[in-house]
Amino acid sequence: MTTIQHTYLQEDELVRRAIAALIRALGPVEATRFLTQPRSQPLDSIQRHREWQETLDPTQFLDQVFG
């Protein structure tokens, strides 16, 4: 049995290579445009749960759970 050992790149090297790959693939303008796009933040689980509860009909939910 052969064991393959993988080592991860240091974070600064990973970022440098990723940016270089983006520039090669997209060009400098589109790579910059991609990197500066605003990212939407995912809802945290508590907020998502509270929003789900607000739309919940307790009677219908309990009937579904307990038959």
C-alpha atoms as a PDB file:
ATOM      1  CA  MET A   1       0.000   0.000   0.000  1.00  0.00           C
ATOM      2  CA  THR A   2       1.366   3.393  -0.982  1.00  0.00           C
ATOM      3  CA  THR A   3       0.837   6.378   1.257  1.00  0.00           C
ATOM      4  CA  ILE A   4       0.620   9.746  -0.442  1.00  0.00           C
ATOM      5  CA  GLN A   5       1.614  12.705   1.667  1.00  0.00           C
ATOM      6  CA  HIS A   6       0.232  16.081   0.662  1.00  0.00           C
ATOM      7  CA  THR A   7       1.519  19.366   1.967  1.00  0.00           C
ATOM      8  CA  TYR A   8      -0.527  22.534   1.752  1.00  0.00           C
ATOM      9  CA  LEU A   9       0.815  25.795   0.392  1.00  0.00           C
ATOM     10  CA  GLN A  10       1.435  28.625   2.793  1.00  0.00           C
ATOM     11  CA  GLU A  11      -1.470  31.073   2.671  1.00  0.00           C
ATOM     12  CA  ASP A  12       0.525  33.885   1.012  1.00  0.00           C
ATOM     13  CA  GLU A  13       1.737  31.495  -1.718  1.00  0.00           C
ATOM     14  CA  LEU A  14      -1.790  30.181  -2.251  1.00  0.00           C
ATOM     15  CA  VAL A  15      -3.149  33.715  -2.675  1.00  0.00           C
ATOM     16  CA  ARG A  16      -0.290  34.688  -5.008  1.00  0.00           C
ATOM     17  CA  ARG A  17      -0.861  31.650  -7.249  1.00  0.00           C
ATOM     18  CA  ALA A  18      -4.641  32.065  -7.246  1.00  0.00           C
ATOM     19  CA  ILE A  19      -4.422  35.708  -8.287  1.00  0.00           C
ATOM     20  CA  ALA A  20      -1.886  34.837 -10.997  1.00  0.00           C
ATOM     21  CA  ALA A  21      -4.224  32.113 -12.311  1.00  0.00           C
ATOM     22  CA  LEU A  22      -7.166  34.534 -12.361  1.00  0.00           C
ATOM     23  CA  ILE A  23      -5.145  37.115 -14.256  1.00  0.00           C
ATOM     24  CA  ARG A  24      -3.991  34.495 -16.788  1.00  0.00           C
ATOM     25  CA  ALA A  25      -7.541  33.193 -17.269  1.00  0.00           C
ATOM     26  CA  LEU A  26      -9.495  36.458 -17.192  1.00  0.00           C
ATOM     27  CA  GLY A  27      -7.007  39.246 -17.773  1.00  0.00           C
ATOM     28  CA  PRO A  28      -6.143  41.937 -15.244  1.00  0.00           C
ATOM     29  CA  VAL A  29      -9.332  43.988 -15.585  1.00  0.00           C
ATOM     30  CA  GLU A  30     -11.790  41.098 -15.239  1.00  0.00           C
ATOM     31  CA  ALA A  31      -9.703  39.469 -12.476  1.00  0.00           C
ATOM     32  CA  THR A  32      -9.801  42.735 -10.516  1.00  0.00           C
ATOM     33  CA  ARG A  33     -13.523  43.061 -11.189  1.00  0.00           C
ATOM     34  CA  PHE A  34     -14.082  39.517  -9.863  1.00  0.00           C
ATOM     35  CA  LEU A  35     -11.973  40.093  -6.751  1.00  0.00           C
ATOM     36  CA  THR A  36     -13.741  43.345  -5.855  1.00  0.00           C
ATOM     37  CA  GLN A  37     -17.320  42.115  -6.228  1.00  0.00           C
ATOM     38  CA  PRO A  38     -19.341  42.594  -3.057  1.00  0.00           C
ATOM     39  CA  ARG A  39     -20.101  39.290  -1.383  1.00  0.00           C
ATOM     40  CA  SER A  40     -23.410  38.700   0.337  1.00  0.00           C
ATOM     41  CA  GLN A  41     -23.017  37.430   3.860  1.00  0.00           C
ATOM     42  CA  PRO A  42     -24.810  34.170   4.599  1.00  0.00           C
ATOM     43  CA  LEU A  43     -27.394  34.322   7.335  1.00  0.00           C
ATOM     44  CA  ASP A  44     -26.220  32.837  10.552  1.00  0.00           C
ATOM     45  CA  SER A  45     -28.155  29.783  11.687  1.00  0.00           C
ATOM     46  CA  ILE A  46     -29.957  31.559  14.540  1.00  0.00           C
ATOM     47  CA  GLN A  47     -31.246  34.329  12.278  1.00  0.00           C
ATOM     48  CA  ARG A  48     -32.298  31.770   9.653  1.00  0.00           C
ATOM     49  CA  HIS A  49     -34.126  29.733  12.319  1.00  0.00           C
ATOM     50  CA  ARG A  50     -35.944  32.801  13.669  1.00  0.00           C
ATOM     51  CA  GLU A  51     -37.061  33.785  10.160  1.00  0.00           C
ATOM     52  CA  TRP A  52     -38.336  30.238   9.603  1.00  0.00           C
ATOM     53  CA  GLN A  53     -40.246  30.363  12.906  1.00  0.00           C
ATOM     54  CA  GLU A  54     -41.917  33.655  11.935  1.00  0.00           C
ATOM     55  CA  THR A  55     -43.553  31.984   8.922  1.00  0.00           C
ATOM     56  CA  LEU A  56     -44.530  28.866  10.848  1.00  0.00           C
ATOM     57  CA  ASP A  57     -48.124  27.961  11.616  1.00  0.00           C
ATOM     58  CA  PRO A  58     -47.754  26.128  14.968  1.00  0.00           C
ATOM     59  CA  THR A  59     -50.916  24.040  14.568  1.00  0.00           C
ATOM     60  CA  GLN A  60     -50.046  22.921  11.047  1.00  0.00           C
ATOM     61  CA  PHE A  61     -46.459  22.176  12.081  1.00  0.00           C
ATOM     62  CA  LEU A  62     -47.479  20.078  15.098  1.00  0.00           C
ATOM     63  CA  ASP A  63     -50.036  18.201  12.991  1.00  0.00           C
ATOM     64  CA  GLN A  64     -47.296  17.364  10.467  1.00  0.00           C
ATOM     65  CA  VAL A  65     -44.868  16.249  13.170  1.00  0.00           C
ATOM     66  CA  PHE A  66     -47.272  14.254  15.343  1.00  0.00           C
ATOM     67  CA  GLY A  67     -49.819  13.213  12.711  1.00  0.00           C
END
